[in-house]
Amino acid sequence: MNARTSLTPTQRAALLTHPAGWLALFFGAGLAPVAQGTVGSALAILPWWFMRDLAAPAWGLVLIVGFAIGLWACGESGRRIGVSDHRALVWDEVIGQWIALLPALAAPWWAIVAGFALFRFFDVLKPWPIRWLDARVKGGIGVMLDDVVAGVFAAVILAVALHFLA
């Protein structure tokens, strides 16, 4: 195990004793024993489902506020555990997943599955510029930015697919 994939008891305590940690962990999703990003992305669908009927301006506000919360929560949590982009910090996956699912707001059920799969594809494989951002931008903005771009890539492809298939 390396510093980005496992949490020491001290790091776990540092996250669980601070509000930023709870948010960055998406209320515990990041503590899954494996595939923390996938677990965080999958669990992000639940609040998305309840917010899916929001109007476009409200969605914009949710994403902006969620991104700002992520800057703080992931940045602070990374500082508290001494690892800026630990895999347990999954709030970035939540925001990226919500962006990826924007085209699925009024779409058939398969669009939600496709949006999830597309986001995970881009988040895991990190094609350019996602990998470049992940490697060069640090702190809370670095944690959040590569997942936002992965979400945008997934949303664009999902929107095109829905245009031709739905």
C-alpha atoms as a PDB file:
ATOM      1  CA  MET A   1       0.000   0.000   0.000  1.00  0.00           C
ATOM      2  CA  ASN A   2       1.171   3.521  -0.643  1.00  0.00           C
ATOM      3  CA  ALA A   3       0.363   6.900   0.866  1.00  0.00           C
ATOM      4  CA  ARG A   4      -2.347   7.652  -1.732  1.00  0.00           C
ATOM      5  CA  THR A   5      -4.242   4.371  -1.346  1.00  0.00           C
ATOM      6  CA  SER A   6      -4.375   3.536   2.358  1.00  0.00           C
ATOM      7  CA  LEU A   7      -5.163   5.566   5.440  1.00  0.00           C
ATOM      8  CA  THR A   8      -3.292   5.220   8.695  1.00  0.00           C
ATOM      9  CA  PRO A   9      -5.386   5.312  11.880  1.00  0.00           C
ATOM     10  CA  THR A  10      -4.073   8.840  12.487  1.00  0.00           C
ATOM     11  CA  GLN A  11      -5.113   9.995   9.011  1.00  0.00           C
ATOM     12  CA  ARG A  12      -8.541   8.380   9.379  1.00  0.00           C
ATOM     13  CA  ALA A  13      -9.024  10.178  12.706  1.00  0.00           C
ATOM     14  CA  ALA A  14      -7.897  13.475  11.164  1.00  0.00           C
ATOM     15  CA  LEU A  15     -10.587  13.123   8.482  1.00  0.00           C
ATOM     16  CA  LEU A  16     -13.373  11.907  10.733  1.00  0.00           C
ATOM     17  CA  THR A  17     -12.887  14.625  13.357  1.00  0.00           C
ATOM     18  CA  HIS A  18     -13.280  17.567  10.978  1.00  0.00           C
ATOM     19  CA  PRO A  19     -16.251  18.674   8.846  1.00  0.00           C
ATOM     20  CA  ALA A  20     -13.994  18.995   5.781  1.00  0.00           C
ATOM     21  CA  GLY A  21     -13.057  15.345   6.154  1.00  0.00           C
ATOM     22  CA  TRP A  22     -16.661  14.195   6.258  1.00  0.00           C
ATOM     23  CA  LEU A  23     -17.446  16.159   3.109  1.00  0.00           C
ATOM     24  CA  ALA A  24     -14.286  15.097   1.276  1.00  0.00           C
ATOM     25  CA  LEU A  25     -15.086  11.469   2.162  1.00  0.00           C
ATOM     26  CA  PHE A  26     -18.673  12.046   0.967  1.00  0.00           C
ATOM     27  CA  PHE A  27     -19.922  11.024   4.387  1.00  0.00           C
ATOM     28  CA  GLY A  28     -17.889   7.824   4.476  1.00  0.00           C
ATOM     29  CA  ALA A  29     -17.996   6.646   0.852  1.00  0.00           C
ATOM     30  CA  GLY A  30     -14.263   7.278   0.550  1.00  0.00           C
ATOM     31  CA  LEU A  31     -13.638   4.763   3.324  1.00  0.00           C
ATOM     32  CA  ALA A  32     -14.734   1.856   1.118  1.00  0.00           C
ATOM     33  CA  PRO A  33     -12.037  -0.844   1.192  1.00  0.00           C
ATOM     34  CA  VAL A  34     -11.606  -0.804  -2.614  1.00  0.00           C
ATOM     35  CA  ALA A  35     -12.636   1.340  -5.594  1.00  0.00           C
ATOM     36  CA  GLN A  36     -13.326   4.422  -3.509  1.00  0.00           C
ATOM     37  CA  GLY A  37     -13.836   6.625  -6.572  1.00  0.00           C
ATOM     38  CA  THR A  38     -16.328   4.202  -8.063  1.00  0.00           C
ATOM     39  CA  VAL A  39     -18.191   3.926  -4.750  1.00  0.00           C
ATOM     40  CA  GLY A  40     -18.276   7.718  -4.417  1.00  0.00           C
ATOM     41  CA  SER A  41     -19.503   8.108  -7.996  1.00  0.00           C
ATOM     42  CA  ALA A  42     -22.200   5.473  -7.557  1.00  0.00           C
ATOM     43  CA  LEU A  43     -23.435   6.983  -4.298  1.00  0.00           C
ATOM     44  CA  ALA A  44     -23.462  10.456  -5.900  1.00  0.00           C
ATOM     45  CA  ILE A  45     -26.328   9.244  -8.080  1.00  0.00           C
ATOM     46  CA  LEU A  46     -28.671   9.126  -5.076  1.00  0.00           C
ATOM     47  CA  PRO A  47     -28.676  12.885  -4.301  1.00  0.00           C
ATOM     48  CA  TRP A  48     -28.540  13.586  -8.056  1.00  0.00           C
ATOM     49  CA  TRP A  49     -31.745  11.548  -8.432  1.00  0.00           C
ATOM     50  CA  PHE A  50     -33.535  13.724  -5.884  1.00  0.00           C
ATOM     51  CA  MET A  51     -32.217  16.937  -7.484  1.00  0.00           C
ATOM     52  CA  ARG A  52     -32.765  15.932 -11.109  1.00  0.00           C
ATOM     53  CA  ASP A  53     -35.878  18.110 -11.493  1.00  0.00           C
ATOM     54  CA  LEU A  54     -34.031  21.310 -10.617  1.00  0.00           C
ATOM     55  CA  ALA A  55     -34.070  24.053 -13.227  1.00  0.00           C
ATOM     56  CA  ALA A  56     -30.858  24.814 -15.120  1.00  0.00           C
ATOM     57  CA  PRO A  57     -29.969  27.893 -12.999  1.00  0.00           C
ATOM     58  CA  ALA A  58     -30.387  25.853  -9.824  1.00  0.00           C
ATOM     59  CA  TRP A  59     -28.147  23.124 -11.237  1.00  0.00           C
ATOM     60  CA  GLY A  60     -25.548  25.748 -12.056  1.00  0.00           C
ATOM     61  CA  LEU A  61     -25.697  26.986  -8.471  1.00  0.00           C
ATOM     62  CA  VAL A  62     -25.483  23.434  -7.066  1.00  0.00           C
ATOM     63  CA  LEU A  63     -22.378  22.732  -9.143  1.00  0.00           C
ATOM     64  CA  ILE A  64     -20.685  26.034  -8.337  1.00  0.00           C
ATOM     65  CA  VAL A  65     -21.353  25.695  -4.610  1.00  0.00           C
ATOM     66  CA  GLY A  66     -20.409  21.994  -4.698  1.00  0.00           C
ATOM     67  CA  PHE A  67     -17.149  22.836  -6.471  1.00  0.00           C
ATOM     68  CA  ALA A  68     -16.364  25.569  -3.929  1.00  0.00           C
ATOM     69  CA  ILE A  69     -17.116  23.190  -1.060  1.00  0.00           C
ATOM     70  CA  GLY A  70     -14.813  20.646  -2.698  1.00  0.00           C
ATOM     71  CA  LEU A  71     -11.974  23.159  -3.005  1.00  0.00           C
ATOM     72  CA  TRP A  72     -12.154  23.747   0.721  1.00  0.00           C
ATOM     73  CA  ALA A  73     -12.978  20.204   1.891  1.00  0.00           C
ATOM     74  CA  CYS A  74     -10.466  18.364  -0.303  1.00  0.00           C
ATOM     75  CA  GLY A  75      -7.754  20.984   0.201  1.00  0.00           C
ATOM     76  CA  GLU A  76      -8.175  21.015   3.978  1.00  0.00           C
ATOM     77  CA  SER A  77      -8.449  17.220   4.172  1.00  0.00           C
ATOM     78  CA  GLY A  78      -5.338  16.754   2.066  1.00  0.00           C
ATOM     79  CA  ARG A  79      -3.429  19.089   4.380  1.00  0.00           C
ATOM     80  CA  ARG A  80      -4.745  17.296   7.470  1.00  0.00           C
ATOM     81  CA  ILE A  81      -3.564  13.871   6.243  1.00  0.00           C
ATOM     82  CA  GLY A  82      -0.448  15.065   4.402  1.00  0.00           C
ATOM     83  CA  VAL A  83      -1.538  13.674   1.003  1.00  0.00           C
ATOM     84  CA  SER A  84      -3.059  16.210  -1.369  1.00  0.00           C
ATOM     85  CA  ASP A  85      -5.021  13.805  -3.606  1.00  0.00           C
ATOM     86  CA  HIS A  86      -5.672  10.709  -1.513  1.00  0.00           C
ATOM     87  CA  ARG A  87      -8.032   8.214  -3.112  1.00  0.00           C
ATOM     88  CA  ALA A  88     -10.313   8.379  -0.051  1.00  0.00           C
ATOM     89  CA  LEU A  89     -11.175  11.996  -0.915  1.00  0.00           C
ATOM     90  CA  VAL A  90     -14.159  11.435  -3.228  1.00  0.00           C
ATOM     91  CA  TRP A  91     -16.074  14.732  -3.184  1.00  0.00           C
ATOM     92  CA  ASP A  92     -14.438  15.453  -6.556  1.00  0.00           C
ATOM     93  CA  GLU A  93     -16.061  12.305  -7.961  1.00  0.00           C
ATOM     94  CA  VAL A  94     -19.435  13.495  -6.686  1.00  0.00           C
ATOM     95  CA  ILE A  95     -19.209  16.800  -8.549  1.00  0.00           C
ATOM     96  CA  GLY A  96     -17.733  15.157 -11.654  1.00  0.00           C
ATOM     97  CA  GLN A  97     -20.503  12.546 -11.658  1.00  0.00           C
ATOM     98  CA  TRP A  98     -23.199  15.201 -11.325  1.00  0.00           C
ATOM     99  CA  ILE A  99     -21.703  17.067 -14.289  1.00  0.00           C
ATOM    100  CA  ALA A 100     -21.563  13.847 -16.319  1.00  0.00           C
ATOM    101  CA  LEU A 101     -25.247  13.190 -15.603  1.00  0.00           C
ATOM    102  CA  LEU A 102     -26.528  16.627 -16.636  1.00  0.00           C
ATOM    103  CA  PRO A 103     -27.657  15.348 -20.072  1.00  0.00           C
ATOM    104  CA  ALA A 104     -29.527  12.494 -18.330  1.00  0.00           C
ATOM    105  CA  LEU A 105     -31.814  14.762 -16.286  1.00  0.00           C
ATOM    106  CA  ALA A 106     -34.869  13.936 -18.434  1.00  0.00           C
ATOM    107  CA  ALA A 107     -33.483  10.911 -20.249  1.00  0.00           C
ATOM    108  CA  PRO A 108     -34.216   7.170 -20.141  1.00  0.00           C
ATOM    109  CA  TRP A 109     -32.763   5.009 -17.362  1.00  0.00           C
ATOM    110  CA  TRP A 110     -29.922   3.735 -19.536  1.00  0.00           C
ATOM    111  CA  ALA A 111     -28.563   7.291 -19.804  1.00  0.00           C
ATOM    112  CA  ILE A 112     -27.835   7.265 -16.052  1.00  0.00           C
ATOM    113  CA  VAL A 113     -25.892   4.012 -16.425  1.00  0.00           C
ATOM    114  CA  ALA A 114     -24.072   5.377 -19.474  1.00  0.00           C
ATOM    115  CA  GLY A 115     -23.247   8.649 -17.692  1.00  0.00           C
ATOM    116  CA  PHE A 116     -21.842   6.726 -14.749  1.00  0.00           C
ATOM    117  CA  ALA A 117     -19.767   4.461 -17.010  1.00  0.00           C
ATOM    118  CA  LEU A 118     -18.488   7.351 -19.136  1.00  0.00           C
ATOM    119  CA  PHE A 119     -17.449   9.357 -16.105  1.00  0.00           C
ATOM    120  CA  ARG A 120     -15.617   6.401 -14.569  1.00  0.00           C
ATOM    121  CA  PHE A 121     -13.935   5.738 -17.948  1.00  0.00           C
ATOM    122  CA  PHE A 122     -12.565   9.286 -18.182  1.00  0.00           C
ATOM    123  CA  ASP A 123     -11.732   9.515 -14.480  1.00  0.00           C
ATOM    124  CA  VAL A 124      -9.765   6.254 -14.478  1.00  0.00           C
ATOM    125  CA  LEU A 125      -8.010   6.473 -17.865  1.00  0.00           C
ATOM    126  CA  LYS A 126      -7.376  10.217 -17.631  1.00  0.00           C
ATOM    127  CA  PRO A 127      -6.832  11.105 -21.300  1.00  0.00           C
ATOM    128  CA  TRP A 128      -5.276  14.486 -22.104  1.00  0.00           C
ATOM    129  CA  PRO A 129      -5.834  17.078 -20.629  1.00  0.00           C
ATOM    130  CA  ILE A 130      -7.169  15.239 -17.565  1.00  0.00           C
ATOM    131  CA  ARG A 131      -3.874  13.448 -16.863  1.00  0.00           C
ATOM    132  CA  TRP A 132      -1.937  16.690 -17.402  1.00  0.00           C
ATOM    133  CA  LEU A 133      -4.167  18.535 -14.897  1.00  0.00           C
ATOM    134  CA  ASP A 134      -3.959  15.662 -12.410  1.00  0.00           C
ATOM    135  CA  ALA A 135      -0.152  15.685 -12.546  1.00  0.00           C
ATOM    136  CA  ARG A 136       0.436  19.436 -12.463  1.00  0.00           C
ATOM    137  CA  VAL A 137      -2.329  21.168 -10.525  1.00  0.00           C
ATOM    138  CA  LYS A 138      -2.112  20.585  -6.772  1.00  0.00           C
ATOM    139  CA  GLY A 139      -4.165  21.316  -3.678  1.00  0.00           C
ATOM    140  CA  GLY A 140      -7.941  21.476  -3.558  1.00  0.00           C
ATOM    141  CA  ILE A 141      -8.169  22.864  -7.092  1.00  0.00           C
ATOM    142  CA  GLY A 142      -6.063  19.988  -8.406  1.00  0.00           C
ATOM    143  CA  VAL A 143      -8.209  17.397  -6.668  1.00  0.00           C
ATOM    144  CA  MET A 144     -11.392  18.918  -8.099  1.00  0.00           C
ATOM    145  CA  LEU A 145     -10.351  20.075 -11.570  1.00  0.00           C
ATOM    146  CA  ASP A 146      -9.460  16.774 -13.235  1.00  0.00           C
ATOM    147  CA  ASP A 147     -12.804  15.270 -12.185  1.00  0.00           C
ATOM    148  CA  VAL A 148     -14.710  18.298 -13.438  1.00  0.00           C
ATOM    149  CA  VAL A 149     -13.039  17.912 -16.839  1.00  0.00           C
ATOM    150  CA  ALA A 150     -13.749  14.150 -16.815  1.00  0.00           C
ATOM    151  CA  GLY A 151     -17.382  14.988 -16.043  1.00  0.00           C
ATOM    152  CA  VAL A 152     -17.534  17.475 -18.920  1.00  0.00           C
ATOM    153  CA  PHE A 153     -16.048  14.914 -21.343  1.00  0.00           C
ATOM    154  CA  ALA A 154     -18.588  12.315 -20.198  1.00  0.00           C
ATOM    155  CA  ALA A 155     -21.479  14.809 -20.425  1.00  0.00           C
ATOM    156  CA  VAL A 156     -20.583  15.819 -23.980  1.00  0.00           C
ATOM    157  CA  ILE A 157     -20.427  12.223 -25.164  1.00  0.00           C
ATOM    158  CA  LEU A 158     -23.651  11.358 -23.336  1.00  0.00           C
ATOM    159  CA  ALA A 159     -25.416  14.381 -24.849  1.00  0.00           C
ATOM    160  CA  VAL A 160     -24.330  13.356 -28.349  1.00  0.00           C
ATOM    161  CA  ALA A 161     -25.447   9.759 -27.730  1.00  0.00           C
ATOM    162  CA  LEU A 162     -28.818  10.915 -26.428  1.00  0.00           C
ATOM    163  CA  HIS A 163     -29.261  13.179 -29.435  1.00  0.00           C
ATOM    164  CA  PHE A 164     -28.900  10.224 -31.774  1.00  0.00           C
ATOM    165  CA  LEU A 165     -30.382   7.416 -29.652  1.00  0.00           C
ATOM    166  CA  ALA A 166     -33.181   8.859 -27.512  1.00  0.00           C
END
